[in-house]
Amino acid sequence: MYNIIFTKGGGTKKGYWALQEEGKRVFHCPTKEMLSIEYLPNDNVADIGAYTGQYASIVLEKGVNSVKCYEPTKKTFGVLTKYNNDKMQIFNKAVVGNDDHERKFYISKGIGVTNSLIKKKRQEAYEVVSCINYNDAIKDCNIVKIDIEGGEYEIPNLIQEHIRAYIIDFHKIGSDWIEKANNIIHELEAKGYECIIKPNFGCGWTQAGSWVKK
């Protein structure tokens, strides 16, 4: 069982909506990468894998112009509907690298932190979710945050030069995941992005990084 609560912390000053399992503390996503870049009043942010809106709440407090939240899971999207901010748009869609209109979205136990387009061991439950092409999801944005449990490796044109900053959480999916992650990092470097926080592939809490165009 879980409850929807409004909680303080998680990188926010005013708080945000979260899911809390009964008898457990509120889970806050790590914020080091989220807070590592400067946010500007004219920034338009794409929050891909928005979950319950923690990152969106952070950037809105920082004063960005807008944030588009993409969250495919019904349960967590339902949490996003509790926000009332005209600068926050919410989309009940998975962001994909092709033109699929629908995909299976695999559901993990608990509060859904590791729900994913990519089927993992012992994941049998799924929802059929609507999809949006990555190009369409970010076309009006200049900052992109991606946390999609391995779906980042399926997007062929992940790094686009109109984006001024990226926050990417890499995931341990497949035997060659570090090679795929490093390929994305090398592409960022080749396209003129400066690494602010470098991922460390030693454990699941250090696999995210942040980059800003020089």
Protein backbone atom coordinates (compact mmCIF):
# COMPACT_ATOMS: atom_id res chain seq x y z
CA MET A 1 0.00 0.00 0.00
CA TYR A 2 1.10 3.56 -0.62
CA ASN A 3 -0.15 7.08 0.02
CA ILE A 4 0.12 10.28 -2.01
CA ILE A 5 1.61 12.94 0.23
CA PHE A 6 2.98 16.45 -0.08
CA THR A 7 6.53 16.38 1.22
CA LYS A 8 9.28 18.90 1.85
CA GLY A 9 12.88 18.38 0.77
CA GLY A 10 14.14 16.51 -2.26
CA GLY A 11 15.89 19.65 -3.50
CA THR A 12 12.77 21.80 -3.17
CA LYS A 13 12.01 24.63 -0.79
CA LYS A 14 8.23 24.54 -1.03
CA GLY A 15 7.86 20.76 -1.44
CA TYR A 16 6.37 18.41 -4.01
CA TRP A 17 3.92 15.51 -4.30
CA ALA A 18 5.29 12.00 -3.71
CA LEU A 19 4.31 8.39 -3.20
CA GLN A 20 5.05 6.92 0.22
CA GLU A 21 4.88 3.23 1.03
CA GLU A 22 3.23 2.54 4.35
CA GLY A 23 5.76 2.23 7.15
CA LYS A 24 8.62 3.65 5.07
CA ARG A 25 10.28 7.02 4.68
CA VAL A 26 9.56 9.12 1.61
CA PHE A 27 11.95 8.27 -1.22
CA HIS A 28 13.62 11.36 -2.72
CA CYS A 29 15.48 10.95 -6.01
CA PRO A 30 19.13 12.09 -5.70
CA THR A 31 19.39 15.79 -6.54
CA LYS A 32 23.11 16.43 -7.07
CA GLU A 33 22.86 16.45 -10.86
CA MET A 34 19.53 18.27 -10.84
CA LEU A 35 21.00 21.13 -8.82
CA SER A 36 24.36 21.26 -10.61
CA ILE A 37 23.36 23.54 -13.47
CA GLU A 38 22.12 27.12 -13.59
CA TYR A 39 18.49 27.63 -14.56
CA LEU A 40 17.44 30.78 -16.40
CA PRO A 41 14.09 32.58 -16.79
CA ASN A 42 13.91 31.74 -20.51
CA ASP A 43 14.63 28.01 -20.06
CA ASN A 44 12.07 25.50 -21.32
CA VAL A 45 12.68 22.12 -19.74
CA ALA A 46 11.76 18.59 -20.86
CA ASP A 47 11.46 16.25 -17.88
CA ILE A 48 11.55 12.78 -19.43
CA GLY A 49 10.66 10.25 -16.79
CA ALA A 50 9.06 12.88 -14.56
CA TYR A 51 7.86 10.34 -11.97
CA THR A 52 5.91 12.38 -9.37
CA GLY A 53 7.30 15.81 -10.25
CA GLN A 54 10.29 16.27 -7.95
CA TYR A 55 12.60 17.63 -10.66
CA ALA A 56 9.83 19.70 -12.22
CA SER A 57 9.17 21.29 -8.83
CA ILE A 58 12.88 22.11 -8.45
CA VAL A 59 13.19 23.87 -11.81
CA LEU A 60 9.93 25.76 -11.36
CA GLU A 61 11.22 27.08 -8.04
CA LYS A 62 14.39 28.13 -9.92
CA GLY A 63 12.21 30.29 -12.17
CA VAL A 64 12.28 28.54 -15.56
CA ASN A 65 9.78 29.57 -18.21
CA SER A 66 8.16 26.14 -18.54
CA VAL A 67 8.57 22.42 -17.94
CA LYS A 68 7.06 19.55 -19.93
CA CYS A 69 6.65 16.39 -17.84
CA TYR A 70 6.48 13.02 -19.57
CA GLU A 71 5.35 10.14 -17.36
CA PRO A 72 3.71 7.01 -18.81
CA THR A 73 2.65 5.09 -15.68
CA LYS A 74 -0.97 5.67 -14.66
CA LYS A 75 -0.21 5.66 -10.92
CA THR A 76 2.59 8.21 -11.03
CA PHE A 77 0.92 10.31 -13.72
CA GLY A 78 -2.03 10.56 -11.35
CA VAL A 79 0.27 12.25 -8.86
CA LEU A 80 1.33 14.80 -11.48
CA THR A 81 -2.31 15.82 -11.93
CA LYS A 82 -2.27 17.23 -8.39
CA TYR A 83 -0.03 20.13 -9.41
CA ASN A 84 -1.65 23.41 -10.36
CA ASN A 85 0.96 25.47 -12.20
CA ASP A 86 0.37 26.98 -15.61
CA LYS A 87 4.09 26.65 -16.38
CA MET A 88 3.92 22.87 -15.98
CA GLN A 89 2.52 20.70 -18.76
CA ILE A 90 1.98 17.00 -18.10
CA PHE A 91 1.84 14.21 -20.69
CA ASN A 92 0.82 10.61 -19.94
CA LYS A 93 3.28 9.28 -22.51
CA ALA A 94 6.51 7.35 -22.82
CA VAL A 95 9.25 9.08 -24.80
CA VAL A 96 10.70 6.77 -27.47
CA GLY A 97 13.24 6.97 -30.27
CA ASN A 98 10.90 5.81 -33.03
CA ASP A 99 7.34 6.40 -34.19
CA ASP A 100 5.61 3.75 -32.05
CA HIS A 101 2.22 4.94 -30.92
CA GLU A 102 1.98 2.41 -28.09
CA ARG A 103 4.39 0.22 -26.12
CA LYS A 104 4.33 -2.20 -23.22
CA PHE A 105 5.54 -0.48 -20.07
CA TYR A 106 6.74 -2.88 -17.37
CA ILE A 107 5.70 -2.19 -13.79
CA SER A 108 8.00 -2.79 -10.83
CA LYS A 109 6.92 -3.49 -7.27
CA GLY A 110 6.48 -0.72 -4.74
CA ILE A 111 6.22 2.94 -5.70
CA GLY A 112 7.29 2.49 -9.33
CA VAL A 113 10.73 4.07 -9.28
CA THR A 114 12.06 1.47 -11.75
CA ASN A 115 9.09 1.11 -14.11
CA SER A 116 10.48 0.79 -17.62
CA LEU A 117 9.99 0.19 -21.32
CA ILE A 118 12.73 -2.42 -20.96
CA LYS A 119 11.60 -5.73 -19.44
CA LYS A 120 13.76 -6.79 -16.50
CA LYS A 121 14.00 -10.10 -14.68
CA ARG A 122 10.88 -11.01 -12.71
CA GLN A 123 8.94 -8.14 -14.27
CA GLU A 124 5.72 -9.58 -15.69
CA ALA A 125 3.10 -6.90 -15.06
CA TYR A 126 2.82 -4.17 -17.66
CA GLU A 127 0.59 -1.41 -18.95
CA VAL A 128 0.11 -0.48 -22.59
CA VAL A 129 1.07 3.19 -22.77
CA SER A 130 0.94 5.94 -25.37
CA CYS A 131 4.24 7.14 -26.84
CA ILE A 132 5.73 10.32 -28.23
CA ASN A 133 8.82 10.58 -30.41
CA TYR A 134 11.81 12.12 -28.63
CA ASN A 135 12.20 14.76 -31.34
CA ASP A 136 8.67 16.00 -30.73
CA ALA A 137 9.06 15.84 -26.95
CA ILE A 138 12.07 18.18 -26.85
CA LYS A 139 11.61 20.38 -29.92
CA ASP A 140 10.58 23.50 -27.96
CA CYS A 141 12.97 22.88 -25.05
CA ASN A 142 16.57 23.83 -24.28
CA ILE A 143 17.17 21.70 -21.16
CA VAL A 144 16.55 17.96 -21.08
CA LYS A 145 16.52 15.64 -18.06
CA ILE A 146 16.32 11.92 -18.87
CA ASP A 147 15.67 9.17 -16.34
CA ILE A 148 13.97 6.31 -18.17
CA GLU A 149 15.51 3.09 -16.85
CA GLY A 150 17.50 2.08 -19.94
CA GLY A 151 15.28 3.68 -22.58
CA GLU A 152 18.04 6.27 -23.07
CA TYR A 153 19.99 3.72 -25.12
CA GLU A 154 17.10 3.25 -27.58
CA ILE A 155 17.03 6.86 -28.74
CA PRO A 156 19.38 7.25 -31.74
CA ASN A 157 19.51 11.06 -31.78
CA LEU A 158 19.66 11.68 -28.05
CA ILE A 159 22.10 14.62 -28.19
CA GLN A 160 20.75 17.57 -30.17
CA GLU A 161 22.61 20.82 -30.50
CA HIS A 162 19.71 23.17 -29.69
CA ILE A 163 19.75 21.79 -26.14
CA ARG A 164 21.98 23.83 -23.83
CA ALA A 165 22.05 21.39 -20.91
CA TYR A 166 21.48 17.68 -20.29
CA ILE A 167 20.94 15.67 -17.12
CA ILE A 168 21.08 11.95 -17.91
CA ASP A 169 20.73 9.00 -15.57
CA PHE A 170 22.31 5.89 -17.10
CA HIS A 171 21.02 2.44 -16.20
CA LYS A 172 22.43 -1.05 -15.98
CA ILE A 173 20.53 -2.62 -18.88
CA GLY A 174 22.30 -5.30 -20.93
CA SER A 175 25.93 -6.43 -20.79
CA ASP A 176 27.15 -3.49 -22.91
CA TRP A 177 25.40 -0.70 -21.00
CA ILE A 178 28.63 1.04 -19.93
CA GLU A 179 29.83 1.09 -23.54
CA LYS A 180 26.52 2.60 -24.64
CA ALA A 181 26.66 5.17 -21.85
CA ASN A 182 30.22 6.14 -22.75
CA ASN A 183 29.21 6.53 -26.39
CA ILE A 184 26.60 9.08 -25.33
CA ILE A 185 29.14 10.86 -23.11
CA HIS A 186 31.67 11.00 -25.96
CA GLU A 187 29.01 12.44 -28.25
CA LEU A 188 28.26 15.13 -25.68
CA GLU A 189 31.96 16.02 -25.54
CA ALA A 190 32.26 16.03 -29.33
CA LYS A 191 29.33 18.43 -29.61
CA GLY A 192 30.84 20.93 -27.20
CA TYR A 193 29.21 20.08 -23.87
CA GLU A 194 31.16 20.56 -20.66
CA CYS A 195 30.72 17.87 -18.03
CA ILE A 196 29.59 19.36 -14.71
CA ILE A 197 29.08 16.07 -12.87
CA LYS A 198 30.66 12.96 -14.33
CA PRO A 199 28.87 9.61 -13.92
CA ASN A 200 30.57 6.92 -11.90
CA PHE A 201 29.43 3.47 -12.92
CA GLY A 202 30.32 1.95 -9.57
CA CYS A 203 26.77 1.89 -8.16
CA GLY A 204 23.22 2.87 -9.01
CA TRP A 205 23.35 6.18 -7.15
CA THR A 206 26.32 7.56 -9.11
CA GLN A 207 25.34 6.73 -12.69
CA ALA A 208 23.86 10.13 -13.53
CA GLY A 209 25.67 13.15 -14.93
CA SER A 210 25.12 16.71 -16.08
CA TRP A 211 26.45 18.61 -19.09
CA VAL A 212 26.19 22.22 -20.26
CA LYS A 213 27.07 23.56 -23.68
CA LYS A 214 30.24 25.65 -23.57
